[in-house]
Amino acid sequence: MKSLLFVLLIMLCYSGYNLLIKVSMSHAGSSIVSPILATICLQISALGVSMVYLMTTSRTTASFSDLPIAAYVWAIGAGICIGIAEILYFYLFRGFAGEPPIQASTAIPMVIGGTILITIMVSVFLFREALNPAQWLGVALAFAGMALLAFNSS
């Protein structure tokens, strides 16, 4: 039960993350650097939350040697991916290259759904994780839902 509540809290936080990016860009100017500055603000805020959490845990000391090098390398790779995604996300909600801003009701489900589908495909084909027929049906339905969003967004 605690895990389910934890998942719910994560869902709420991710929803806030997605929606607040949209709101942030509705207040941003048309400068080319506005999304980059907003991304830096987001990253500094996330770092602050992590630092406060680290300082309030029961452990009194933390050392960079607490994790193996491979964990840091993969975490840095994840950070690069999220940094690029956030910059692009801010541009998407502000509009870019003459395109109007995209609606949150279309973009957020597409990004999250696409992330889920790509993660599932990599997990199955690269990590050799198995899905049962009902799970494959869920993948197909998620793909169909994203297709409906994409083709009916205009």
C-alpha atoms as a PDB file:
ATOM      1  CA  MET A   1       0.000   0.000   0.000  1.00  0.00           C
ATOM      2  CA  LYS A   2       2.863   2.390   0.797  1.00  0.00           C
ATOM      3  CA  SER A   3       4.311   1.789  -2.656  1.00  0.00           C
ATOM      4  CA  LEU A   4       0.997   2.744  -4.262  1.00  0.00           C
ATOM      5  CA  LEU A   5       0.922   6.004  -2.295  1.00  0.00           C
ATOM      6  CA  PHE A   6       4.519   6.621  -3.323  1.00  0.00           C
ATOM      7  CA  VAL A   7       3.560   6.077  -6.988  1.00  0.00           C
ATOM      8  CA  LEU A   8       0.648   8.501  -6.577  1.00  0.00           C
ATOM      9  CA  LEU A   9       2.952  11.159  -5.136  1.00  0.00           C
ATOM     10  CA  ILE A  10       5.383  10.677  -8.026  1.00  0.00           C
ATOM     11  CA  MET A  11       2.499  10.990 -10.500  1.00  0.00           C
ATOM     12  CA  LEU A  12       1.370  14.229  -8.874  1.00  0.00           C
ATOM     13  CA  CYS A  13       4.905  15.636  -8.944  1.00  0.00           C
ATOM     14  CA  TYR A  14       5.412  14.690 -12.600  1.00  0.00           C
ATOM     15  CA  SER A  15       2.050  16.229 -13.463  1.00  0.00           C
ATOM     16  CA  GLY A  16       3.087  19.424 -11.729  1.00  0.00           C
ATOM     17  CA  TYR A  17       6.421  19.341 -13.560  1.00  0.00           C
ATOM     18  CA  ASN A  18       4.729  19.010 -16.955  1.00  0.00           C
ATOM     19  CA  LEU A  19       1.997  21.555 -16.337  1.00  0.00           C
ATOM     20  CA  LEU A  20       4.295  24.120 -14.707  1.00  0.00           C
ATOM     21  CA  ILE A  21       6.615  24.020 -17.718  1.00  0.00           C
ATOM     22  CA  LYS A  22       3.589  24.924 -19.868  1.00  0.00           C
ATOM     23  CA  VAL A  23       2.625  27.760 -17.504  1.00  0.00           C
ATOM     24  CA  SER A  24       6.221  29.009 -17.362  1.00  0.00           C
ATOM     25  CA  MET A  25       6.374  29.374 -21.129  1.00  0.00           C
ATOM     26  CA  SER A  26       3.043  31.200 -21.221  1.00  0.00           C
ATOM     27  CA  HIS A  27       4.825  33.936 -19.231  1.00  0.00           C
ATOM     28  CA  ALA A  28       8.116  33.853 -21.149  1.00  0.00           C
ATOM     29  CA  GLY A  29       9.113  36.360 -23.756  1.00  0.00           C
ATOM     30  CA  SER A  30       9.940  35.546 -27.328  1.00  0.00           C
ATOM     31  CA  SER A  31      13.701  35.622 -26.775  1.00  0.00           C
ATOM     32  CA  ILE A  32      15.523  32.612 -28.180  1.00  0.00           C
ATOM     33  CA  VAL A  33      17.136  32.043 -24.764  1.00  0.00           C
ATOM     34  CA  SER A  34      13.925  32.126 -22.685  1.00  0.00           C
ATOM     35  CA  PRO A  35      13.505  28.313 -22.725  1.00  0.00           C
ATOM     36  CA  ILE A  36      17.181  27.823 -21.883  1.00  0.00           C
ATOM     37  CA  LEU A  37      16.977  30.214 -18.915  1.00  0.00           C
ATOM     38  CA  ALA A  38      13.804  28.473 -17.738  1.00  0.00           C
ATOM     39  CA  THR A  39      15.581  25.095 -17.996  1.00  0.00           C
ATOM     40  CA  ILE A  40      18.491  26.383 -15.910  1.00  0.00           C
ATOM     41  CA  CYS A  41      16.018  27.649 -13.295  1.00  0.00           C
ATOM     42  CA  LEU A  42      14.332  24.234 -13.266  1.00  0.00           C
ATOM     43  CA  GLN A  43      17.673  22.433 -12.856  1.00  0.00           C
ATOM     44  CA  ILE A  44      18.821  24.726 -10.028  1.00  0.00           C
ATOM     45  CA  SER A  45      15.500  24.157  -8.254  1.00  0.00           C
ATOM     46  CA  ALA A  46      15.864  20.379  -8.643  1.00  0.00           C
ATOM     47  CA  LEU A  47      19.428  20.556  -7.317  1.00  0.00           C
ATOM     48  CA  GLY A  48      18.188  22.570  -4.332  1.00  0.00           C
ATOM     49  CA  VAL A  49      15.524  19.980  -3.512  1.00  0.00           C
ATOM     50  CA  SER A  50      18.106  17.193  -3.761  1.00  0.00           C
ATOM     51  CA  MET A  51      20.565  19.056  -1.534  1.00  0.00           C
ATOM     52  CA  VAL A  52      17.914  19.739   1.121  1.00  0.00           C
ATOM     53  CA  TYR A  53      16.871  16.087   1.057  1.00  0.00           C
ATOM     54  CA  LEU A  54      20.494  14.935   1.348  1.00  0.00           C
ATOM     55  CA  MET A  55      21.095  17.247   4.305  1.00  0.00           C
ATOM     56  CA  THR A  56      17.942  16.079   6.105  1.00  0.00           C
ATOM     57  CA  THR A  57      18.471  12.343   5.766  1.00  0.00           C
ATOM     58  CA  SER A  58      19.576  10.438   8.821  1.00  0.00           C
ATOM     59  CA  ARG A  59      23.022   9.928   7.349  1.00  0.00           C
ATOM     60  CA  THR A  60      25.371  12.640   8.533  1.00  0.00           C
ATOM     61  CA  THR A  61      28.012  12.378   5.829  1.00  0.00           C
ATOM     62  CA  ALA A  62      27.938  11.742   2.129  1.00  0.00           C
ATOM     63  CA  SER A  63      30.896  11.037  -0.083  1.00  0.00           C
ATOM     64  CA  PHE A  64      31.263  10.773  -3.815  1.00  0.00           C
ATOM     65  CA  SER A  65      32.859   7.388  -3.211  1.00  0.00           C
ATOM     66  CA  ASP A  66      29.491   6.099  -1.953  1.00  0.00           C
ATOM     67  CA  LEU A  67      28.594   5.110  -5.515  1.00  0.00           C
ATOM     68  CA  PRO A  68      30.652   3.229  -8.081  1.00  0.00           C
ATOM     69  CA  ILE A  69      31.905   5.233 -11.077  1.00  0.00           C
ATOM     70  CA  ALA A  70      29.487   3.421 -13.415  1.00  0.00           C
ATOM     71  CA  ALA A  71      26.523   4.737 -11.414  1.00  0.00           C
ATOM     72  CA  TYR A  72      27.778   8.297 -11.870  1.00  0.00           C
ATOM     73  CA  VAL A  73      28.445   7.803 -15.588  1.00  0.00           C
ATOM     74  CA  TRP A  74      24.918   6.490 -16.214  1.00  0.00           C
ATOM     75  CA  ALA A  75      23.413   9.227 -14.012  1.00  0.00           C
ATOM     76  CA  ILE A  76      25.301  11.868 -16.002  1.00  0.00           C
ATOM     77  CA  GLY A  77      23.942  10.333 -19.208  1.00  0.00           C
ATOM     78  CA  ALA A  78      20.426  10.509 -17.769  1.00  0.00           C
ATOM     79  CA  GLY A  79      21.040  14.129 -16.784  1.00  0.00           C
ATOM     80  CA  ILE A  80      22.138  14.987 -20.328  1.00  0.00           C
ATOM     81  CA  CYS A  81      18.989  13.348 -21.724  1.00  0.00           C
ATOM     82  CA  ILE A  82      16.661  15.183 -19.336  1.00  0.00           C
ATOM     83  CA  GLY A  83      18.463  18.488 -19.873  1.00  0.00           C
ATOM     84  CA  ILE A  84      17.998  18.274 -23.634  1.00  0.00           C
ATOM     85  CA  ALA A  85      14.393  17.109 -23.214  1.00  0.00           C
ATOM     86  CA  GLU A  86      13.589  20.007 -20.890  1.00  0.00           C
ATOM     87  CA  ILE A  87      15.010  22.610 -23.261  1.00  0.00           C
ATOM     88  CA  LEU A  88      12.992  21.138 -26.133  1.00  0.00           C
ATOM     89  CA  TYR A  89       9.900  20.879 -23.916  1.00  0.00           C
ATOM     90  CA  PHE A  90      10.060  24.586 -23.060  1.00  0.00           C
ATOM     91  CA  TYR A  91      10.399  25.436 -26.771  1.00  0.00           C
ATOM     92  CA  LEU A  92       7.472  23.152 -27.605  1.00  0.00           C
ATOM     93  CA  PHE A  93       5.183  24.980 -25.194  1.00  0.00           C
ATOM     94  CA  ARG A  94       6.387  28.411 -26.298  1.00  0.00           C
ATOM     95  CA  GLY A  95       6.300  27.722 -30.024  1.00  0.00           C
ATOM     96  CA  PHE A  96       9.307  27.449 -32.303  1.00  0.00           C
ATOM     97  CA  ALA A  97      10.329  27.877 -35.953  1.00  0.00           C
ATOM     98  CA  GLY A  98       7.078  29.678 -36.728  1.00  0.00           C
ATOM     99  CA  GLU A  99       4.982  26.933 -35.154  1.00  0.00           C
ATOM    100  CA  PRO A 100       2.392  27.949 -32.540  1.00  0.00           C
ATOM    101  CA  PRO A 101       2.721  26.628 -28.985  1.00  0.00           C
ATOM    102  CA  ILE A 102       1.326  23.120 -28.607  1.00  0.00           C
ATOM    103  CA  GLN A 103      -1.516  22.480 -26.175  1.00  0.00           C
ATOM    104  CA  ALA A 104      -0.615  20.726 -22.927  1.00  0.00           C
ATOM    105  CA  SER A 105      -3.560  18.344 -23.407  1.00  0.00           C
ATOM    106  CA  THR A 106      -1.865  17.038 -26.562  1.00  0.00           C
ATOM    107  CA  ALA A 107       1.855  17.399 -25.844  1.00  0.00           C
ATOM    108  CA  ILE A 108       2.025  15.947 -22.346  1.00  0.00           C
ATOM    109  CA  PRO A 109       0.190  12.673 -23.093  1.00  0.00           C
ATOM    110  CA  MET A 110       2.206  12.298 -26.313  1.00  0.00           C
ATOM    111  CA  VAL A 111       5.537  12.839 -24.552  1.00  0.00           C
ATOM    112  CA  ILE A 112       4.674  10.606 -21.609  1.00  0.00           C
ATOM    113  CA  GLY A 113       3.044   7.943 -23.788  1.00  0.00           C
ATOM    114  CA  GLY A 114       5.953   7.980 -26.212  1.00  0.00           C
ATOM    115  CA  THR A 115       8.378   7.707 -23.324  1.00  0.00           C
ATOM    116  CA  ILE A 116       6.505   4.671 -22.043  1.00  0.00           C
ATOM    117  CA  LEU A 117       6.435   3.006 -25.463  1.00  0.00           C
ATOM    118  CA  ILE A 118      10.132   3.611 -26.143  1.00  0.00           C
ATOM    119  CA  THR A 119      11.034   2.384 -22.659  1.00  0.00           C
ATOM    120  CA  ILE A 120       8.990  -0.780 -23.146  1.00  0.00           C
ATOM    121  CA  MET A 121      10.573  -1.502 -26.534  1.00  0.00           C
ATOM    122  CA  VAL A 122      14.109  -0.980 -25.205  1.00  0.00           C
ATOM    123  CA  SER A 123      13.323  -3.095 -22.145  1.00  0.00           C
ATOM    124  CA  VAL A 124      11.968  -5.943 -24.259  1.00  0.00           C
ATOM    125  CA  PHE A 125      14.527  -5.936 -27.060  1.00  0.00           C
ATOM    126  CA  LEU A 126      17.695  -4.766 -25.288  1.00  0.00           C
ATOM    127  CA  PHE A 127      17.198  -5.896 -21.684  1.00  0.00           C
ATOM    128  CA  ARG A 128      15.273  -9.059 -22.713  1.00  0.00           C
ATOM    129  CA  GLU A 129      12.359  -8.388 -20.366  1.00  0.00           C
ATOM    130  CA  ALA A 130       9.179 -10.313 -21.191  1.00  0.00           C
ATOM    131  CA  LEU A 131       5.632  -9.006 -21.619  1.00  0.00           C
ATOM    132  CA  ASN A 132       2.542 -11.185 -21.481  1.00  0.00           C
ATOM    133  CA  PRO A 133      -0.248 -10.871 -24.081  1.00  0.00           C
ATOM    134  CA  ALA A 134      -2.308  -8.502 -21.909  1.00  0.00           C
ATOM    135  CA  GLN A 135       0.695  -6.209 -21.520  1.00  0.00           C
ATOM    136  CA  TRP A 136       1.273  -6.233 -25.296  1.00  0.00           C
ATOM    137  CA  LEU A 137      -2.401  -5.280 -25.709  1.00  0.00           C
ATOM    138  CA  GLY A 138      -1.776  -2.353 -23.362  1.00  0.00           C
ATOM    139  CA  VAL A 139       1.199  -1.291 -25.500  1.00  0.00           C
ATOM    140  CA  ALA A 140      -0.963  -1.431 -28.634  1.00  0.00           C
ATOM    141  CA  LEU A 141      -3.742   0.583 -26.976  1.00  0.00           C
ATOM    142  CA  ALA A 142      -1.241   3.194 -25.772  1.00  0.00           C
ATOM    143  CA  PHE A 143       0.134   3.486 -29.302  1.00  0.00           C
ATOM    144  CA  ALA A 144      -3.395   3.810 -30.726  1.00  0.00           C
ATOM    145  CA  GLY A 145      -4.238   6.512 -28.181  1.00  0.00           C
ATOM    146  CA  MET A 146      -1.131   8.486 -29.086  1.00  0.00           C
ATOM    147  CA  ALA A 147      -1.940   8.171 -32.790  1.00  0.00           C
ATOM    148  CA  LEU A 148      -5.426   9.557 -32.153  1.00  0.00           C
ATOM    149  CA  LEU A 149      -3.948  12.480 -30.224  1.00  0.00           C
ATOM    150  CA  ALA A 150      -1.374  13.196 -32.916  1.00  0.00           C
ATOM    151  CA  PHE A 151      -3.768  13.111 -35.845  1.00  0.00           C
ATOM    152  CA  ASN A 152      -6.581  15.007 -34.137  1.00  0.00           C
ATOM    153  CA  SER A 153      -4.515  17.805 -32.580  1.00  0.00           C
ATOM    154  CA  SER A 154      -5.005  20.345 -35.359  1.00  0.00           C
END
